[in-house]
């Protein structure tokens, strides 16, 4: 997913998250790399006009950059972002238990295609510390849906909806070459979802190459292509009611399949500790009200495709307002919209 596009180097895409198997993404994007672009340099008359009333503290070395003809953005950005993201996830090292029983590892459950879909909105504050370096902080809320396909020993699909909050920090660097620019962004985030015992740490790196053109007056348009890499802490622990993870009709299907589990080949091939765990889960499922059974879990999860491609663009309406959009594809699908308002400091 600017893990999100947003405010610097054309701001930095922000935000995301998933469900309990969560990560949460964030993306980044070029924010006024055009400001460091020699081919869009200010005329001597424009430099003198800007410097006449220039009193900003940030970015450091800003006055010298303007003297050399760089058209700097206003240093402070207020960002509002919306993001949709869908990606595959891989699950390994699964452990389960019920109620107050300790979690035990299991290796007889196989998975099919697992996906996470996230809708997210966040606010971001960014600051150009140097003409080529932007730092930022962000926070937001996400609504995540995770679909897990279990293929063996009993085939069924579990789907969980979960809201969560996240926050993080990041930085973006940019440089220009004539009308072209290169921007690199990295951010670190912490996501807190209802069904997780601990917040999940994530890191998103992205790089973009683009071009800026003048549209007349203060208006500028930028277009870019790029790539993004997502990484997050893979260990996850939590608890969930069976009724929240599996529909009643699927629970009934599982109960019917487990009626004579001791006679099934996959059960007979288990080790004694694994049989004890299966018996524990079966007894809970065959109880009078299995939907109220609490399932404790631990697992490792990773993006099925850590890398994906990006294409985006933005329009600077004037020195204060920028509208931006970015699409992610190949491995991870995302759509990001971003509005930015910039201030002097």
Protein backbone atom coordinates (compact mmCIF):
# COMPACT_ATOMS: atom_id res chain seq x y z
CA UNK A 1 0.00 0.00 0.00
CA UNK A 2 2.48 6.79 0.76
CA UNK A 3 1.14 1.75 4.33
CA UNK A 4 -0.08 4.26 2.99
CA UNK A 5 0.83 7.62 0.09
CA UNK A 6 0.74 10.88 1.87
CA UNK A 7 2.50 13.93 2.51
CA UNK A 8 6.18 14.20 1.77
CA UNK A 9 8.15 13.52 -1.09
CA UNK A 10 4.77 13.83 -2.34
CA UNK A 11 3.61 12.67 1.06
CA UNK A 12 3.49 9.26 2.38
CA UNK A 13 0.89 6.72 1.93
CA UNK A 14 -0.29 5.59 5.18
CA UNK A 15 -1.99 3.11 7.11
CA UNK A 16 -3.46 -0.20 7.25
CA UNK A 17 -3.87 -3.29 9.00
CA UNK A 18 -5.44 -6.62 8.89
CA UNK A 19 -7.11 -8.85 11.23
CA UNK A 20 -5.73 -11.08 13.84
CA UNK A 21 -3.40 -12.46 11.28
CA UNK A 22 -2.87 -8.90 10.71
CA UNK A 23 -0.30 -6.72 9.60
CA UNK A 24 -1.25 -3.42 8.57
CA UNK A 25 0.25 -1.61 5.96
CA UNK A 26 1.33 1.59 5.17
CA UNK A 27 2.54 3.01 1.95
CA UNK A 28 4.51 6.05 0.98
CA UNK A 29 4.77 8.36 -1.95
CA UNK A 30 6.65 11.20 -3.54
CA UNK A 31 5.90 14.54 -2.02
CA UNK A 32 7.33 17.45 -3.82
CA UNK A 33 10.33 15.78 -5.15
CA UNK A 34 9.65 18.42 -7.76
CA UNK A 35 10.71 20.98 -5.18
CA UNK A 36 14.27 19.68 -5.50
CA UNK A 37 14.02 19.57 -9.29
CA UNK A 38 16.54 21.80 -11.16
CA UNK A 39 14.48 21.75 -14.37
CA UNK A 40 11.58 23.37 -12.53
CA UNK A 41 13.83 26.00 -11.04
CA UNK A 42 12.61 29.43 -9.93
CA UNK A 43 13.56 32.50 -11.92
CA UNK A 44 15.67 35.12 -10.18
CA UNK A 45 12.59 37.32 -9.90
CA UNK A 46 10.62 34.51 -8.27
CA UNK A 47 13.45 33.77 -5.82
CA UNK A 48 13.65 37.39 -4.75
CA UNK A 49 9.88 37.60 -4.32
CA UNK A 50 9.76 34.48 -2.12
CA UNK A 51 12.81 35.38 -0.01
CA UNK A 52 11.47 38.87 0.62
CA UNK A 53 8.77 37.43 2.94
CA UNK A 54 10.40 34.10 3.83
CA UNK A 55 10.42 33.49 7.61
CA UNK A 56 10.05 29.72 7.92
CA UNK A 57 12.23 27.89 10.43
CA UNK A 58 11.85 24.63 8.49
CA UNK A 59 13.25 23.15 6.45
CA UNK A 60 16.76 23.84 7.69
CA UNK A 61 18.79 25.25 4.78
CA UNK A 62 15.51 26.25 3.18
CA UNK A 63 16.62 29.81 2.40
CA UNK A 64 19.79 28.56 0.71
CA UNK A 65 17.75 26.08 -1.35
CA UNK A 66 15.44 28.86 -2.55
CA UNK A 67 18.47 31.03 -3.40
CA UNK A 68 19.58 28.21 -5.70
CA UNK A 69 16.19 28.17 -7.38
CA UNK A 70 14.40 25.28 -5.66
CA UNK A 71 10.65 25.78 -5.30
CA UNK A 72 10.14 24.35 -1.80
CA UNK A 73 6.76 23.20 -0.45
CA UNK A 74 5.42 24.68 2.76
CA UNK A 75 7.06 22.68 5.56
CA UNK A 76 4.08 21.31 7.54
CA UNK A 77 1.53 18.95 6.02
CA UNK A 78 -1.86 17.91 7.44
CA UNK A 79 -2.96 14.70 5.72
CA UNK A 80 -6.24 12.80 5.52
CA UNK A 81 -6.01 9.36 3.91
CA UNK A 82 -8.34 6.56 2.96
CA UNK A 83 -7.10 3.11 1.93
CA UNK A 84 -8.44 -0.20 0.64
CA UNK A 85 -6.10 -3.21 0.59
CA UNK A 86 -6.41 -6.92 -0.17
CA UNK A 87 -3.56 -9.41 0.09
CA UNK A 88 -2.79 -13.07 0.63
CA UNK A 89 -1.32 -14.35 3.90
CA UNK A 90 0.56 -17.52 4.83
CA UNK A 91 0.02 -19.26 8.19
CA UNK A 92 2.55 -21.55 9.87
CA UNK A 93 3.43 -22.89 13.36
CA UNK A 94 -0.18 -23.10 14.49
CA UNK A 95 -1.07 -23.87 18.12
CA UNK A 96 -4.55 -24.23 19.65
CA UNK A 97 -6.40 -24.89 22.87
CA UNK A 98 -9.83 -24.30 24.41
CA UNK A 99 -10.88 -22.44 27.55
CA UNK A 100 -8.13 -22.23 30.17
CA UNK A 101 -6.08 -25.06 28.68
CA UNK A 102 -2.49 -24.22 27.60
CA UNK A 103 -1.87 -23.83 23.88
CA UNK A 104 -0.27 -26.87 22.21
CA UNK A 105 1.37 -27.00 18.74
CA UNK A 106 -0.43 -28.86 15.97
CA UNK A 107 0.80 -29.82 12.50
CA UNK A 108 -2.10 -31.83 11.10
CA UNK A 109 -4.15 -28.81 9.95
CA UNK A 110 -3.55 -27.72 6.35
CA UNK A 111 -4.52 -24.36 4.85
CA UNK A 112 -5.75 -23.29 1.44
CA UNK A 113 -5.90 -19.66 0.26
CA UNK A 114 -5.95 -17.13 3.08
CA UNK A 115 -6.70 -13.45 2.44
CA UNK A 116 -6.93 -10.21 4.39
CA UNK A 117 -9.01 -7.19 3.34
CA UNK A 118 -8.65 -3.84 5.07
CA UNK A 119 -10.49 -0.53 4.93
CA UNK A 120 -8.58 2.19 6.72
CA UNK A 121 -8.66 5.94 7.43
CA UNK A 122 -5.91 7.90 9.14
CA UNK A 123 -4.52 11.33 9.91
CA UNK A 124 -0.92 12.29 9.41
CA UNK A 125 1.32 15.18 10.33
CA UNK A 126 4.56 15.64 8.37
CA UNK A 127 7.45 18.11 8.47
CA UNK A 128 10.20 18.89 5.97
CA UNK A 129 13.24 18.95 8.28
CA UNK A 130 15.65 19.43 5.36
CA UNK A 131 14.86 20.27 1.72
CA UNK A 132 15.35 16.57 0.89
CA UNK A 133 14.14 14.90 4.13
CA UNK A 134 10.59 14.65 5.51
CA UNK A 135 9.60 13.10 8.86
CA UNK A 136 6.07 12.22 9.92
CA UNK A 137 3.77 10.59 12.45
CA UNK A 138 0.37 9.02 11.81
CA UNK A 139 -2.54 7.34 13.52
CA UNK A 140 -5.78 5.83 12.33
CA UNK A 141 -8.47 3.21 12.50
CA UNK A 142 -8.95 0.13 10.35
CA UNK A 143 -11.73 -2.36 9.71
CA UNK A 144 -10.22 -5.69 8.74
CA UNK A 145 -11.67 -8.91 7.40
CA UNK A 146 -9.62 -12.12 7.34
CA UNK A 147 -10.71 -15.25 5.49
CA UNK A 148 -8.91 -18.50 6.30
CA UNK A 149 -9.45 -21.70 4.33
CA UNK A 150 -8.78 -24.93 6.23
CA UNK A 151 -8.21 -27.80 3.79
CA UNK A 152 -7.37 -30.71 6.12
CA UNK A 153 -8.39 -32.71 8.08
CA UNK A 154 -11.84 -31.07 7.65
CA UNK A 155 -12.42 -28.55 4.87
CA UNK A 156 -14.14 -25.33 5.95
CA UNK A 157 -13.72 -21.55 5.77
CA UNK A 158 -13.44 -19.18 8.72
CA UNK A 159 -14.07 -15.45 8.32
CA UNK A 160 -13.46 -12.82 11.00
CA UNK A 161 -14.25 -9.09 11.02
CA UNK A 162 -12.30 -6.95 13.44
CA UNK A 163 -11.73 -3.23 14.08
CA UNK A 164 -8.41 -1.89 15.31
CA UNK A 165 -6.27 1.19 15.85
CA UNK A 166 -2.72 1.87 14.71
CA UNK A 167 0.00 4.52 14.96
CA UNK A 168 3.51 4.98 13.68
CA UNK A 169 6.37 7.16 12.50
CA UNK A 170 8.40 7.37 9.31
CA UNK A 171 10.65 9.38 7.07
CA UNK A 172 10.98 10.07 3.36
CA UNK A 173 13.97 11.16 1.31
CA UNK A 174 13.82 12.58 -2.22
CA UNK A 175 16.02 13.97 -4.92
CA UNK A 176 15.39 15.36 -8.40
CA UNK A 177 17.09 15.14 -11.78
CA UNK A 178 15.70 17.65 -14.27
CA UNK A 179 11.96 16.88 -14.36
CA UNK A 180 12.37 13.42 -12.81
CA UNK A 181 12.55 12.45 -9.16
CA UNK A 182 13.37 9.50 -6.94
CA UNK A 183 11.74 9.06 -3.51
CA UNK A 184 12.30 6.42 -0.81
CA UNK A 185 10.12 5.98 2.27
CA UNK A 186 10.30 3.82 5.39
CA UNK A 187 7.90 3.74 8.31
CA UNK A 188 7.32 1.73 11.47
CA UNK A 189 3.88 1.06 12.91
CA UNK A 190 2.11 -0.58 15.84
CA UNK A 191 -1.39 -2.03 15.36
CA UNK A 192 -3.77 -2.96 18.17
CA UNK A 193 -6.71 -5.21 17.21
CA UNK A 194 -9.45 -6.51 19.50
CA UNK A 195 -8.69 -10.21 19.24
CA UNK A 196 -4.90 -9.95 19.62
CA UNK A 197 -3.15 -10.15 22.97
CA UNK A 198 -0.39 -7.69 21.97
CA UNK A 199 0.07 -4.91 19.39
CA UNK A 200 1.73 -6.01 16.16
CA UNK A 201 4.85 -4.24 14.93
CA UNK A 202 5.22 -3.61 11.19
CA UNK A 203 7.72 -2.03 8.79
CA UNK A 204 6.99 -0.79 5.28
CA UNK A 205 9.60 0.31 2.75
CA UNK A 206 8.74 1.83 -0.63
CA UNK A 207 10.59 3.48 -3.51
CA UNK A 208 9.26 5.53 -6.42
CA UNK A 209 10.53 7.02 -9.66
CA UNK A 210 8.45 9.75 -11.27
CA UNK A 211 8.16 12.90 -13.32
CA UNK A 212 6.70 16.32 -12.57
CA UNK A 213 5.20 18.75 -15.09
CA UNK A 214 3.95 22.33 -14.84
CA UNK A 215 0.25 22.95 -15.46
CA UNK A 216 0.36 26.72 -15.29
CA UNK A 217 0.69 29.10 -12.35
CA UNK A 218 1.29 27.20 -9.09
CA UNK A 219 -0.26 23.98 -10.40
CA UNK A 220 1.96 20.92 -10.78
CA UNK A 221 1.20 17.31 -11.69
CA UNK A 222 3.37 14.32 -10.81
CA UNK A 223 3.20 10.70 -11.97
CA UNK A 224 5.25 7.76 -10.72
CA UNK A 225 5.83 4.02 -10.64
CA UNK A 226 7.31 2.21 -7.68
CA UNK A 227 7.48 -0.82 -5.45
CA UNK A 228 6.66 -1.57 -1.82
CA UNK A 229 7.90 -4.18 0.67
CA UNK A 230 5.98 -5.08 3.83
CA UNK A 231 7.29 -6.83 6.93
CA UNK A 232 5.66 -7.37 10.33
CA UNK A 233 6.17 -9.35 13.46
CA UNK A 234 4.97 -12.79 12.46
CA UNK A 235 4.10 -14.24 15.88
CA UNK A 236 0.47 -13.72 16.88
CA UNK A 237 -1.39 -14.81 20.02
CA UNK A 238 -5.04 -14.33 20.85
CA UNK A 239 -8.41 -15.78 21.79
CA UNK A 240 -11.73 -15.81 19.98
CA UNK A 241 -15.21 -17.26 20.48
CA UNK A 242 -15.92 -20.05 18.02
CA UNK A 243 -19.17 -18.29 17.06
CA UNK A 244 -17.16 -15.21 15.99
CA UNK A 245 -14.89 -17.18 13.68
CA UNK A 246 -17.12 -19.90 12.20
CA UNK A 247 -20.80 -19.65 11.09
CA UNK A 248 -23.27 -21.96 12.93
CA UNK A 249 -23.86 -24.11 9.82
CA UNK A 250 -20.12 -24.68 9.47
CA UNK A 251 -19.83 -25.53 13.18
CA UNK A 252 -22.55 -28.17 12.65
CA UNK A 253 -20.62 -29.55 9.67
CA UNK A 254 -17.47 -29.84 11.78
CA UNK A 255 -19.40 -31.46 14.66
CA UNK A 256 -20.84 -34.09 12.33
CA UNK A 257 -17.39 -34.83 10.91
CA UNK A 258 -15.96 -35.30 14.40
CA UNK A 259 -18.63 -37.62 15.80
CA UNK A 260 -16.42 -40.70 15.36
CA UNK A 261 -13.07 -38.97 15.11
CA UNK A 262 -11.21 -41.80 16.88
CA UNK A 263 -11.88 -44.03 13.88
CA UNK A 264 -10.59 -41.61 11.25
CA UNK A 265 -7.14 -42.34 9.70
CA UNK A 266 -5.74 -38.83 10.26
CA UNK A 267 -6.59 -39.08 13.99
CA UNK A 268 -5.03 -42.50 14.40
CA UNK A 269 -1.74 -41.19 12.94
CA UNK A 270 -1.43 -38.44 15.57
CA UNK A 271 0.96 -38.52 18.53
CA UNK A 272 -0.59 -38.96 22.02
CA UNK A 273 -0.23 -35.22 22.87
CA UNK A 274 -1.90 -34.28 19.58
CA UNK A 275 -4.71 -36.76 20.20
CA UNK A 276 -5.24 -35.20 23.63
CA UNK A 277 -5.52 -31.76 22.03
CA UNK A 278 -7.98 -33.00 19.40
CA UNK A 279 -10.06 -34.67 22.13
CA UNK A 280 -10.09 -31.37 24.03
CA UNK A 281 -11.37 -29.48 20.99
CA UNK A 282 -13.85 -32.21 20.00
CA UNK A 283 -15.36 -32.30 23.49
CA UNK A 284 -15.86 -28.54 23.36
CA UNK A 285 -17.41 -28.70 19.88
CA UNK A 286 -19.75 -31.53 20.84
CA UNK A 287 -20.97 -29.68 23.93
CA UNK A 288 -24.53 -28.36 24.08
CA UNK A 289 -23.49 -24.82 23.09
CA UNK A 290 -20.25 -24.98 21.04
CA UNK A 291 -20.59 -21.37 19.85
CA UNK A 292 -19.59 -20.15 23.31
CA UNK A 293 -16.35 -22.13 23.22
CA UNK A 294 -13.24 -19.94 23.47
CA UNK A 295 -10.47 -20.95 21.07
CA UNK A 296 -6.96 -19.85 22.06
CA UNK A 297 -4.44 -19.68 19.24
CA UNK A 298 -0.88 -18.82 18.38
CA UNK A 299 0.61 -18.74 14.90
CA UNK A 300 3.11 -17.17 12.57
CA UNK A 301 1.82 -15.27 9.59
CA UNK A 302 3.54 -13.53 6.71
CA UNK A 303 2.42 -11.75 3.55
CA UNK A 304 2.12 -14.24 0.71
CA UNK A 305 3.82 -11.61 -1.48
CA UNK A 306 6.01 -9.19 0.53
CA UNK A 307 6.63 -7.05 -2.61
CA UNK A 308 4.14 -5.39 -4.94
CA UNK A 309 4.11 -2.68 -7.62
CA UNK A 310 2.72 0.86 -7.38
CA UNK A 311 1.41 3.43 -9.87
CA UNK A 312 0.23 6.85 -8.75
CA UNK A 313 -0.12 10.55 -9.37
CA UNK A 314 -0.98 13.81 -7.68
CA UNK A 315 -1.96 17.39 -8.49
CA UNK A 316 -0.75 20.41 -6.53
CA UNK A 317 -3.70 22.78 -6.83
CA UNK A 318 -1.65 25.55 -5.24
CA UNK A 319 1.01 25.94 -2.54
CA UNK A 320 -1.37 24.63 0.12
CA UNK A 321 -3.58 21.92 -1.38
CA UNK A 322 -2.54 18.59 -2.96
CA UNK A 323 -4.75 15.69 -4.06
CA UNK A 324 -3.13 12.30 -4.55
CA UNK A 325 -4.06 8.75 -5.59
CA UNK A 326 -2.10 5.51 -5.83
CA UNK A 327 -2.89 1.94 -6.89
CA UNK A 328 -0.99 -1.19 -5.85
CA UNK A 329 -1.00 -4.42 -7.89
CA UNK A 330 0.89 -7.69 -8.56
CA UNK A 331 0.92 -9.53 -5.23
CA UNK A 332 -1.12 -7.04 -3.23
CA UNK A 333 -4.07 -4.91 -4.38
CA UNK A 334 -4.55 -1.46 -2.88
CA UNK A 335 -6.23 1.87 -3.63
CA UNK A 336 -5.24 5.01 -1.74
CA UNK A 337 -6.71 8.54 -1.77
CA UNK A 338 -4.98 11.41 0.03
CA UNK A 339 -5.74 15.10 0.58
CA UNK A 340 -3.00 17.37 1.98
CA UNK A 341 -3.08 20.89 3.37
CA UNK A 342 0.31 22.58 3.97
CA UNK A 343 1.30 25.29 6.44
CA UNK A 344 4.24 27.59 7.10
CA UNK A 345 6.46 27.12 10.15
